[in-house]
Amino acid sequence: MNEVPTASAYANEPVQFHPLQVADLSELSRGTQDSYRNMVVNRVNQHCLRLAVMHESYPWHHHPESDELFLVVEGRLHIDLEDGRTLSLGPWQTTTIPAGTVHRTRAEGRTVNLCFEALAAETVFLPEP
């Protein structure tokens, strides 16, 4: 897995496309060969749309003040919760993880998902529960 960004780097990820620019999400996805890449595509008010391409798992974490809405576009994404449950999403399935909920994401093969959350959302990484 590529190095996971620090919480600060995650919060300060630059916006790739600005208002009135067209973003081709399919092209962005195809152009990503990393085993993990999560980028801010654009912003809407105080929130952002992220595109994540991943092949493995992301560490346990939570966002103290931001909900996260996941929408899988390609592959299968498993979201493990601290209480032992796992939510599994396939293409065009979505779920919201409430602020403060400890979770981790795991890709089953190459997975592409969109995530809507507060721009510069704080991320707190945690050891495995």
N, C-alpha and C. Protein backbone atom coordinates (compact mmCIF):
# COMPACT_ATOMS: atom_id res chain seq x y z
N MET A 1 0.85 -1.19 0.00
CA MET A 1 0.00 0.00 0.00
C MET A 1 0.88 1.24 0.00
N ASN A 2 0.49 2.24 -0.74
CA ASN A 2 1.22 3.50 -0.70
C ASN A 2 1.13 4.07 0.70
N GLU A 3 2.03 4.95 1.01
CA GLU A 3 2.01 5.55 2.34
C GLU A 3 0.70 6.30 2.56
N VAL A 4 0.07 6.04 3.69
CA VAL A 4 -1.18 6.71 4.05
C VAL A 4 -0.84 8.15 4.41
N PRO A 5 -1.63 9.10 3.91
CA PRO A 5 -1.33 10.50 4.23
C PRO A 5 -1.50 10.79 5.71
N THR A 6 -0.77 11.76 6.19
CA THR A 6 -0.96 12.21 7.57
C THR A 6 -2.32 12.89 7.67
N ALA A 7 -2.80 13.05 8.88
CA ALA A 7 -4.07 13.74 9.08
C ALA A 7 -4.01 15.15 8.52
N SER A 8 -2.88 15.82 8.68
CA SER A 8 -2.72 17.18 8.16
C SER A 8 -2.74 17.19 6.63
N ALA A 9 -2.05 16.25 6.00
CA ALA A 9 -2.04 16.18 4.54
C ALA A 9 -3.44 15.89 4.01
N TYR A 10 -4.15 15.01 4.68
CA TYR A 10 -5.52 14.68 4.28
C TYR A 10 -6.40 15.94 4.34
N ALA A 11 -6.29 16.68 5.41
CA ALA A 11 -7.11 17.89 5.59
C ALA A 11 -6.73 18.99 4.61
N ASN A 12 -5.47 19.00 4.16
CA ASN A 12 -4.99 20.07 3.28
C ASN A 12 -4.85 19.65 1.83
N GLU A 13 -5.47 18.54 1.45
CA GLU A 13 -5.44 18.07 0.06
C GLU A 13 -5.97 19.19 -0.84
N PRO A 14 -5.24 19.55 -1.88
CA PRO A 14 -5.71 20.64 -2.75
C PRO A 14 -6.93 20.22 -3.59
N VAL A 15 -7.75 21.18 -3.91
CA VAL A 15 -8.91 20.97 -4.77
C VAL A 15 -8.40 20.87 -6.20
N GLN A 16 -8.77 19.78 -6.90
CA GLN A 16 -8.30 19.54 -8.26
C GLN A 16 -9.02 20.39 -9.31
N PHE A 17 -10.32 20.61 -9.14
CA PHE A 17 -11.12 21.34 -10.12
C PHE A 17 -11.91 22.43 -9.40
N HIS A 18 -12.00 23.59 -10.02
CA HIS A 18 -12.68 24.73 -9.43
C HIS A 18 -14.02 24.94 -10.11
N PRO A 19 -14.88 25.80 -9.55
CA PRO A 19 -16.19 26.03 -10.16
C PRO A 19 -16.06 26.34 -11.66
N LEU A 20 -17.00 25.83 -12.40
CA LEU A 20 -17.13 26.01 -13.84
C LEU A 20 -16.07 25.26 -14.64
N GLN A 21 -15.31 24.38 -13.99
CA GLN A 21 -14.42 23.47 -14.69
C GLN A 21 -15.10 22.10 -14.73
N VAL A 22 -14.94 21.40 -15.83
CA VAL A 22 -15.52 20.06 -15.96
C VAL A 22 -14.50 19.04 -15.49
N ALA A 23 -14.93 18.17 -14.61
CA ALA A 23 -14.07 17.10 -14.09
C ALA A 23 -14.58 15.78 -14.65
N ASP A 24 -13.72 15.03 -15.31
CA ASP A 24 -14.07 13.71 -15.84
C ASP A 24 -13.62 12.67 -14.82
N LEU A 25 -14.56 12.22 -13.99
CA LEU A 25 -14.22 11.30 -12.91
C LEU A 25 -13.74 9.95 -13.43
N SER A 26 -14.27 9.51 -14.54
CA SER A 26 -13.84 8.26 -15.13
C SER A 26 -12.37 8.36 -15.56
N GLU A 27 -12.01 9.46 -16.15
CA GLU A 27 -10.62 9.69 -16.56
C GLU A 27 -9.69 9.77 -15.35
N LEU A 28 -10.13 10.47 -14.31
CA LEU A 28 -9.32 10.56 -13.08
C LEU A 28 -9.09 9.18 -12.49
N SER A 29 -10.14 8.38 -12.47
CA SER A 29 -10.04 7.02 -11.94
C SER A 29 -9.09 6.17 -12.76
N ARG A 30 -9.25 6.18 -14.07
CA ARG A 30 -8.38 5.39 -14.95
C ARG A 30 -6.93 5.83 -14.84
N GLY A 31 -6.69 7.11 -14.61
CA GLY A 31 -5.34 7.64 -14.53
C GLY A 31 -4.63 7.38 -13.21
N THR A 32 -5.32 6.76 -12.28
CA THR A 32 -4.74 6.50 -10.96
C THR A 32 -4.27 5.05 -10.88
N GLN A 33 -2.97 4.87 -10.80
CA GLN A 33 -2.39 3.53 -10.74
C GLN A 33 -1.90 3.16 -9.33
N ASP A 34 -1.93 4.12 -8.41
CA ASP A 34 -1.49 3.86 -7.04
C ASP A 34 -2.38 2.83 -6.38
N SER A 35 -1.86 2.14 -5.37
CA SER A 35 -2.69 1.19 -4.64
C SER A 35 -3.65 1.93 -3.69
N TYR A 36 -3.35 3.21 -3.41
CA TYR A 36 -4.27 4.04 -2.63
C TYR A 36 -4.10 5.48 -3.08
N ARG A 37 -5.21 6.10 -3.47
CA ARG A 37 -5.20 7.53 -3.81
C ARG A 37 -6.55 8.09 -3.47
N ASN A 38 -6.58 9.18 -2.71
CA ASN A 38 -7.80 9.84 -2.30
C ASN A 38 -7.61 11.32 -2.56
N MET A 39 -8.36 11.87 -3.50
CA MET A 39 -8.15 13.27 -3.88
C MET A 39 -9.43 14.08 -3.78
N VAL A 40 -9.29 15.36 -3.48
CA VAL A 40 -10.43 16.27 -3.48
C VAL A 40 -10.65 16.71 -4.93
N VAL A 41 -11.79 16.31 -5.47
CA VAL A 41 -12.10 16.67 -6.86
C VAL A 41 -12.55 18.12 -6.92
N ASN A 42 -13.56 18.47 -6.12
CA ASN A 42 -14.02 19.86 -6.06
C ASN A 42 -14.75 20.11 -4.75
N ARG A 43 -15.12 21.36 -4.56
CA ARG A 43 -15.80 21.71 -3.32
C ARG A 43 -17.19 22.24 -3.62
N VAL A 44 -18.08 22.07 -2.63
CA VAL A 44 -19.43 22.59 -2.69
C VAL A 44 -19.69 23.23 -1.33
N ASN A 45 -19.79 24.54 -1.31
CA ASN A 45 -19.93 25.28 -0.05
C ASN A 45 -18.77 24.88 0.88
N GLN A 46 -19.05 24.36 2.05
CA GLN A 46 -17.99 23.99 2.99
C GLN A 46 -17.69 22.49 2.95
N HIS A 47 -18.10 21.81 1.89
CA HIS A 47 -17.91 20.37 1.74
C HIS A 47 -17.13 20.07 0.48
N CYS A 48 -16.75 18.81 0.32
CA CYS A 48 -16.01 18.44 -0.88
C CYS A 48 -16.43 17.07 -1.38
N LEU A 49 -16.14 16.85 -2.64
CA LEU A 49 -16.28 15.55 -3.27
C LEU A 49 -14.88 14.98 -3.42
N ARG A 50 -14.67 13.80 -2.86
CA ARG A 50 -13.40 13.10 -2.98
C ARG A 50 -13.58 11.89 -3.88
N LEU A 51 -12.54 11.57 -4.63
CA LEU A 51 -12.49 10.35 -5.42
C LEU A 51 -11.39 9.49 -4.82
N ALA A 52 -11.74 8.28 -4.42
CA ALA A 52 -10.76 7.37 -3.84
C ALA A 52 -10.63 6.13 -4.72
N VAL A 53 -9.39 5.79 -5.03
CA VAL A 53 -9.08 4.55 -5.73
C VAL A 53 -8.20 3.77 -4.77
N MET A 54 -8.61 2.54 -4.45
CA MET A 54 -7.85 1.77 -3.49
C MET A 54 -7.90 0.28 -3.81
N HIS A 55 -6.87 -0.42 -3.35
CA HIS A 55 -6.75 -1.86 -3.56
C HIS A 55 -6.65 -2.60 -2.22
N GLU A 56 -6.48 -1.88 -1.14
CA GLU A 56 -6.23 -2.50 0.17
C GLU A 56 -7.09 -1.85 1.23
N SER A 57 -6.62 -1.87 2.46
CA SER A 57 -7.40 -1.27 3.55
C SER A 57 -6.79 0.06 3.96
N TYR A 58 -7.62 0.89 4.56
CA TYR A 58 -7.23 2.19 5.09
C TYR A 58 -7.28 2.06 6.61
N PRO A 59 -6.40 2.71 7.33
CA PRO A 59 -6.35 2.53 8.79
C PRO A 59 -7.63 2.95 9.52
N TRP A 60 -7.78 2.42 10.72
CA TRP A 60 -8.89 2.81 11.59
C TRP A 60 -8.80 4.29 11.89
N HIS A 61 -9.93 4.97 11.86
CA HIS A 61 -9.94 6.42 12.09
C HIS A 61 -11.37 6.88 12.34
N HIS A 62 -11.50 8.16 12.63
CA HIS A 62 -12.80 8.81 12.67
C HIS A 62 -12.63 10.27 12.35
N HIS A 63 -13.72 10.90 12.00
CA HIS A 63 -13.76 12.34 11.73
C HIS A 63 -14.65 12.94 12.80
N PRO A 64 -14.06 13.65 13.77
CA PRO A 64 -14.83 14.12 14.92
C PRO A 64 -16.05 14.98 14.58
N GLU A 65 -15.94 15.78 13.50
CA GLU A 65 -17.03 16.73 13.25
C GLU A 65 -17.59 16.65 11.84
N SER A 66 -17.35 15.56 11.13
CA SER A 66 -17.85 15.47 9.76
C SER A 66 -18.42 14.08 9.47
N ASP A 67 -19.66 14.06 8.99
CA ASP A 67 -20.20 12.82 8.44
C ASP A 67 -19.44 12.54 7.14
N GLU A 68 -19.47 11.27 6.72
CA GLU A 68 -18.89 10.87 5.43
C GLU A 68 -19.92 10.06 4.68
N LEU A 69 -20.22 10.46 3.46
CA LEU A 69 -21.11 9.69 2.62
C LEU A 69 -20.26 8.99 1.57
N PHE A 70 -20.34 7.67 1.51
CA PHE A 70 -19.60 6.87 0.53
C PHE A 70 -20.56 6.43 -0.58
N LEU A 71 -20.11 6.51 -1.82
CA LEU A 71 -20.84 6.02 -2.97
C LEU A 71 -19.85 5.23 -3.82
N VAL A 72 -20.05 3.92 -3.88
CA VAL A 72 -19.13 3.06 -4.65
C VAL A 72 -19.50 3.13 -6.12
N VAL A 73 -18.48 3.29 -6.96
CA VAL A 73 -18.67 3.36 -8.40
C VAL A 73 -18.19 2.07 -9.06
N GLU A 74 -17.13 1.50 -8.51
CA GLU A 74 -16.52 0.31 -9.10
C GLU A 74 -15.96 -0.57 -7.99
N GLY A 75 -16.13 -1.87 -8.10
CA GLY A 75 -15.56 -2.80 -7.12
C GLY A 75 -16.46 -2.99 -5.92
N ARG A 76 -15.83 -3.41 -4.83
CA ARG A 76 -16.57 -3.67 -3.58
C ARG A 76 -15.80 -3.04 -2.43
N LEU A 77 -16.49 -2.23 -1.63
CA LEU A 77 -15.90 -1.55 -0.49
C LEU A 77 -16.53 -2.08 0.78
N HIS A 78 -15.69 -2.50 1.72
CA HIS A 78 -16.16 -2.94 3.03
C HIS A 78 -15.80 -1.84 4.03
N ILE A 79 -16.74 -1.47 4.85
CA ILE A 79 -16.51 -0.47 5.89
C ILE A 79 -16.70 -1.18 7.22
N ASP A 80 -15.58 -1.42 7.92
CA ASP A 80 -15.60 -2.08 9.22
C ASP A 80 -15.87 -1.03 10.29
N LEU A 81 -16.76 -1.36 11.21
CA LEU A 81 -17.11 -0.46 12.31
C LEU A 81 -16.54 -1.00 13.61
N GLU A 82 -16.28 -0.11 14.53
CA GLU A 82 -15.69 -0.47 15.82
C GLU A 82 -16.51 -1.51 16.57
N ASP A 83 -17.82 -1.51 16.37
CA ASP A 83 -18.68 -2.45 17.10
C ASP A 83 -18.69 -3.86 16.50
N GLY A 84 -17.88 -4.09 15.46
CA GLY A 84 -17.78 -5.42 14.86
C GLY A 84 -18.59 -5.61 13.59
N ARG A 85 -19.48 -4.68 13.28
CA ARG A 85 -20.25 -4.79 12.05
C ARG A 85 -19.41 -4.40 10.85
N THR A 86 -19.78 -4.92 9.69
CA THR A 86 -19.17 -4.52 8.42
C THR A 86 -20.27 -4.18 7.44
N LEU A 87 -20.17 -3.01 6.84
CA LEU A 87 -21.09 -2.62 5.77
C LEU A 87 -20.36 -2.90 4.46
N SER A 88 -20.99 -3.62 3.54
CA SER A 88 -20.38 -3.94 2.26
C SER A 88 -21.18 -3.29 1.14
N LEU A 89 -20.49 -2.51 0.33
CA LEU A 89 -21.14 -1.76 -0.74
C LEU A 89 -20.57 -2.17 -2.09
N GLY A 90 -21.47 -2.37 -3.06
CA GLY A 90 -21.10 -2.61 -4.44
C GLY A 90 -21.40 -1.38 -5.26
N PRO A 91 -21.21 -1.46 -6.57
CA PRO A 91 -21.45 -0.31 -7.44
C PRO A 91 -22.84 0.29 -7.25
N TRP A 92 -22.84 1.61 -7.11
CA TRP A 92 -24.02 2.44 -6.98
C TRP A 92 -24.76 2.23 -5.67
N GLN A 93 -24.06 1.68 -4.67
CA GLN A 93 -24.61 1.61 -3.32
C GLN A 93 -23.92 2.67 -2.48
N THR A 94 -24.63 3.17 -1.49
CA THR A 94 -24.13 4.29 -0.69
C THR A 94 -24.50 4.10 0.78
N THR A 95 -23.74 4.72 1.65
CA THR A 95 -24.05 4.78 3.07
C THR A 95 -23.38 6.02 3.66
N THR A 96 -23.89 6.45 4.79
CA THR A 96 -23.29 7.58 5.52
C THR A 96 -22.73 7.08 6.84
N ILE A 97 -21.51 7.47 7.12
CA ILE A 97 -20.86 7.18 8.39
C ILE A 97 -20.95 8.47 9.22
N PRO A 98 -21.68 8.44 10.34
CA PRO A 98 -21.84 9.66 11.14
C PRO A 98 -20.52 10.15 11.74
N ALA A 99 -20.43 11.43 11.96
CA ALA A 99 -19.25 12.04 12.60
C ALA A 99 -18.95 11.30 13.90
N GLY A 100 -17.66 11.08 14.15
CA GLY A 100 -17.22 10.44 15.38
C GLY A 100 -17.25 8.93 15.35
N THR A 101 -17.80 8.32 14.30
CA THR A 101 -17.88 6.86 14.21
C THR A 101 -16.53 6.28 13.80
N VAL A 102 -15.97 5.41 14.63
CA VAL A 102 -14.68 4.78 14.32
C VAL A 102 -14.91 3.73 13.25
N HIS A 103 -14.10 3.79 12.18
CA HIS A 103 -14.26 2.88 11.06
C HIS A 103 -12.97 2.74 10.28
N ARG A 104 -12.95 1.76 9.39
CA ARG A 104 -11.88 1.65 8.41
C ARG A 104 -12.52 1.13 7.12
N THR A 105 -11.91 1.47 6.00
CA THR A 105 -12.40 0.98 4.72
C THR A 105 -11.43 -0.05 4.17
N ARG A 106 -12.00 -1.07 3.50
CA ARG A 106 -11.20 -2.12 2.87
C ARG A 106 -11.73 -2.35 1.47
N ALA A 107 -10.83 -2.39 0.53
CA ALA A 107 -11.21 -2.66 -0.85
C ALA A 107 -11.09 -4.15 -1.13
N GLU A 108 -12.03 -4.65 -1.90
CA GLU A 108 -11.96 -6.01 -2.40
C GLU A 108 -11.51 -5.89 -3.86
N GLY A 109 -10.21 -6.04 -4.10
CA GLY A 109 -9.68 -5.74 -5.43
C GLY A 109 -9.63 -4.24 -5.63
N ARG A 110 -9.60 -3.81 -6.88
CA ARG A 110 -9.57 -2.36 -7.17
C ARG A 110 -10.98 -1.82 -6.94
N THR A 111 -11.06 -0.80 -6.10
CA THR A 111 -12.34 -0.19 -5.76
C THR A 111 -12.25 1.32 -5.96
N VAL A 112 -13.29 1.87 -6.55
CA VAL A 112 -13.37 3.32 -6.76
C VAL A 112 -14.63 3.80 -6.05
N ASN A 113 -14.47 4.79 -5.20
CA ASN A 113 -15.64 5.34 -4.54
C ASN A 113 -15.55 6.86 -4.47
N LEU A 114 -16.72 7.45 -4.37
CA LEU A 114 -16.83 8.89 -4.15
C LEU A 114 -17.19 9.09 -2.70
N CYS A 115 -16.68 10.15 -2.12
CA CYS A 115 -16.95 10.45 -0.72
C CYS A 115 -17.30 11.93 -0.61
N PHE A 116 -18.36 12.21 0.10
CA PHE A 116 -18.77 13.58 0.37
C PHE A 116 -18.56 13.83 1.85
N GLU A 117 -17.82 14.88 2.18
CA GLU A 117 -17.55 15.22 3.58
C GLU A 117 -17.19 16.69 3.68
N ALA A 118 -17.05 17.18 4.90
CA ALA A 118 -16.63 18.56 5.11
C ALA A 118 -15.23 18.75 4.53
N LEU A 119 -15.03 19.86 3.85
CA LEU A 119 -13.71 20.19 3.32
C LEU A 119 -12.74 20.34 4.49
N ALA A 120 -11.58 19.74 4.37
CA ALA A 120 -10.56 19.78 5.42
C ALA A 120 -11.04 19.14 6.72
N ALA A 121 -11.85 18.09 6.58
CA ALA A 121 -12.33 17.37 7.76
C ALA A 121 -11.15 16.83 8.56
N GLU A 122 -11.22 17.00 9.86
CA GLU A 122 -10.18 16.45 10.73
C GLU A 122 -10.27 14.92 10.73
N THR A 123 -9.12 14.26 10.63
CA THR A 123 -9.05 12.80 10.69
C THR A 123 -8.20 12.41 11.88
N VAL A 124 -8.73 11.52 12.71
CA VAL A 124 -8.00 11.02 13.87
C VAL A 124 -7.74 9.54 13.62
N PHE A 125 -6.46 9.17 13.43
CA PHE A 125 -6.10 7.77 13.22
C PHE A 125 -6.00 7.07 14.57
N LEU A 126 -6.40 5.81 14.59
CA LEU A 126 -6.45 5.04 15.84
C LEU A 126 -5.82 3.67 15.65
N PRO A 127 -5.36 3.06 16.74
CA PRO A 127 -4.91 1.66 16.63
C PRO A 127 -6.13 0.78 16.39
N GLU A 128 -5.89 -0.43 15.92
CA GLU A 128 -7.00 -1.36 15.67
C GLU A 128 -7.76 -1.59 16.98
N PRO A 129 -9.10 -1.49 16.93
CA PRO A 129 -9.87 -1.67 18.17
C PRO A 129 -9.84 -3.11 18.68
